Amino acid sequence: QVSLVESGGGLVQAGESLRLSCAASGSIGSINAMEWYQQAPGKQRELVGKITRGGSTNLADSLKGRFTISRDNAKNTWYLQINSLKPEDTAVYYCAADYTIIRDSGTEVGRSWGQGTQVTVSS
């Protein structure tokens, strides 16, 4: 199992920056990729981007340039950096870990979600 705890959200003004954190515990070595999602009020949850075990990152085209995904292996923490925040970035942001745990009893493939962190951007 993998557990995720998010932090770093808040109320900011347009143009400011935030770094969201996603701290993992449990079977961290089983994580294949970490994804970030945003869910704006009244909208579906949408993929922001992901970082793979090997460190490769992909971001939604519309978010490239202002959003960056990274990780600190020593801290078992993944990050979503958002610069030049806009009111339309207001959303709950979630991290999600795709993992594969191999046990003697079998292989578990799953996804764990963080609890979400609220980002509110005022104009």
Protein backbone atom coordinates (compact mmCIF):
# COMPACT_ATOMS: atom_id res chain seq x y z
CA GLN A 1 0.00 0.00 0.00
CA VAL A 2 0.98 3.59 -0.61
CA SER A 3 -0.33 6.50 1.42
CA LEU A 4 -0.18 10.09 0.23
CA VAL A 5 -0.50 13.31 2.19
CA GLU A 6 -0.74 16.61 0.37
CA SER A 7 0.07 20.09 1.54
CA GLY A 8 0.91 23.52 0.24
CA GLY A 9 -2.40 24.86 -0.99
CA GLY A 10 -3.85 28.17 0.06
CA LEU A 11 -5.30 31.50 -0.92
CA VAL A 12 -3.00 33.54 -3.12
CA GLN A 13 -3.20 36.50 -5.45
CA ALA A 14 -2.91 36.25 -9.18
CA GLY A 15 0.70 36.25 -10.30
CA GLU A 16 2.04 34.53 -7.19
CA SER A 17 3.48 31.03 -7.01
CA LEU A 18 2.75 27.94 -4.98
CA ARG A 19 4.48 24.63 -4.50
CA LEU A 20 2.22 21.75 -3.66
CA SER A 21 3.71 18.74 -1.93
CA CYS A 22 2.71 15.11 -1.93
CA ALA A 23 4.47 13.06 0.73
CA ALA A 24 4.36 9.30 0.29
CA SER A 25 4.70 6.51 2.80
CA GLY A 26 4.41 2.76 2.63
CA SER A 27 5.64 0.82 -0.39
CA ILE A 28 7.34 3.80 -1.97
CA GLY A 29 9.62 1.67 -4.11
CA SER A 30 6.54 0.27 -5.83
CA ILE A 31 5.49 3.63 -7.26
CA ASN A 32 5.70 3.62 -11.04
CA ALA A 33 4.43 7.12 -11.62
CA MET A 34 2.97 10.05 -9.72
CA GLU A 35 0.24 12.05 -11.34
CA TRP A 36 -1.25 15.41 -10.44
CA TYR A 37 -4.85 16.32 -11.10
CA GLN A 38 -6.88 19.48 -10.74
CA GLN A 39 -10.59 19.69 -10.08
CA ALA A 40 -12.08 23.12 -10.55
CA PRO A 41 -15.44 23.96 -8.98
CA GLY A 42 -18.23 22.20 -10.83
CA LYS A 43 -15.85 20.45 -13.23
CA GLN A 44 -14.42 17.00 -13.75
CA ARG A 45 -11.05 16.09 -12.34
CA GLU A 46 -8.44 16.65 -15.03
CA LEU A 47 -4.89 15.44 -15.42
CA VAL A 48 -2.24 18.10 -14.92
CA GLY A 49 0.70 15.82 -15.61
CA LYS A 50 2.86 13.07 -14.26
CA ILE A 51 6.39 12.06 -13.41
CA THR A 52 7.60 8.53 -13.93
CA ARG A 53 9.90 6.39 -11.83
CA GLY A 54 12.69 7.30 -14.21
CA GLY A 55 12.07 11.02 -13.77
CA SER A 56 10.40 11.77 -17.08
CA THR A 57 7.64 14.32 -16.89
CA ASN A 58 4.62 15.07 -19.01
CA LEU A 59 2.31 18.03 -18.63
CA ALA A 60 -0.98 18.96 -20.21
CA ASP A 61 -0.26 21.22 -23.17
CA SER A 62 -2.33 24.07 -21.77
CA LEU A 63 -0.32 24.10 -18.55
CA LYS A 64 3.20 23.89 -19.92
CA GLY A 65 5.33 26.84 -18.99
CA ARG A 66 3.72 27.58 -15.62
CA PHE A 67 3.46 24.12 -14.07
CA THR A 68 6.40 21.92 -13.14
CA ILE A 69 6.43 18.46 -11.60
CA SER A 70 9.43 17.24 -9.63
CA ARG A 71 10.37 14.95 -6.79
CA ASP A 72 12.80 14.67 -3.90
CA ASN A 73 13.72 11.03 -3.49
CA ALA A 74 15.40 11.62 -0.15
CA LYS A 75 12.16 13.04 1.25
CA ASN A 76 9.80 10.65 -0.57
CA THR A 77 7.98 13.74 -1.70
CA TRP A 78 6.67 14.85 -5.07
CA TYR A 79 5.97 18.46 -5.98
CA LEU A 80 3.77 20.51 -8.25
CA GLN A 81 5.13 24.00 -8.75
CA ILE A 82 2.66 26.52 -10.14
CA ASN A 83 3.95 29.93 -11.20
CA SER A 84 2.11 33.04 -12.33
CA LEU A 85 -1.11 31.77 -10.82
CA LYS A 86 -4.35 32.77 -12.47
CA PRO A 87 -7.89 32.79 -11.08
CA GLU A 88 -8.73 29.92 -13.42
CA ASP A 89 -6.15 27.79 -11.60
CA THR A 90 -8.50 27.75 -8.62
CA ALA A 91 -9.13 24.09 -7.92
CA VAL A 92 -8.51 21.23 -5.60
CA TYR A 93 -5.27 19.55 -6.58
CA TYR A 94 -4.75 15.84 -6.05
CA CYS A 95 -1.74 13.61 -6.37
CA ALA A 96 -2.15 9.98 -7.33
CA ALA A 97 0.43 7.21 -7.21
CA ASP A 98 0.30 4.27 -9.59
CA TYR A 99 2.05 1.35 -7.97
CA THR A 100 2.84 -2.32 -8.43
CA ILE A 101 3.57 -4.41 -5.36
CA ILE A 102 4.96 -7.87 -5.95
CA ARG A 103 4.37 -10.31 -3.12
CA ASP A 104 4.79 -14.03 -2.76
CA SER A 105 1.00 -14.23 -2.75
CA GLY A 106 0.64 -12.29 -5.98
CA THR A 107 0.95 -8.90 -7.62
CA GLU A 108 -1.06 -5.90 -6.53
CA VAL A 109 -1.55 -3.13 -9.05
CA GLY A 110 -3.26 -0.08 -7.70
CA ARG A 111 -3.61 3.65 -7.37
CA SER A 112 -3.56 5.68 -4.21
CA TRP A 113 -4.91 9.21 -3.96
CA GLY A 114 -3.96 12.08 -1.75
CA GLN A 115 -6.65 13.92 0.15
CA GLY A 116 -6.43 16.98 -2.08
CA THR A 117 -5.28 20.49 -1.36
CA GLN A 118 -7.28 23.60 -2.17
CA VAL A 119 -5.73 26.37 -4.25
CA THR A 120 -7.68 29.59 -4.51
CA VAL A 121 -6.40 32.43 -6.65
CA SER A 122 -7.87 35.89 -6.25
CA SER A 123 -7.71 38.47 -9.00
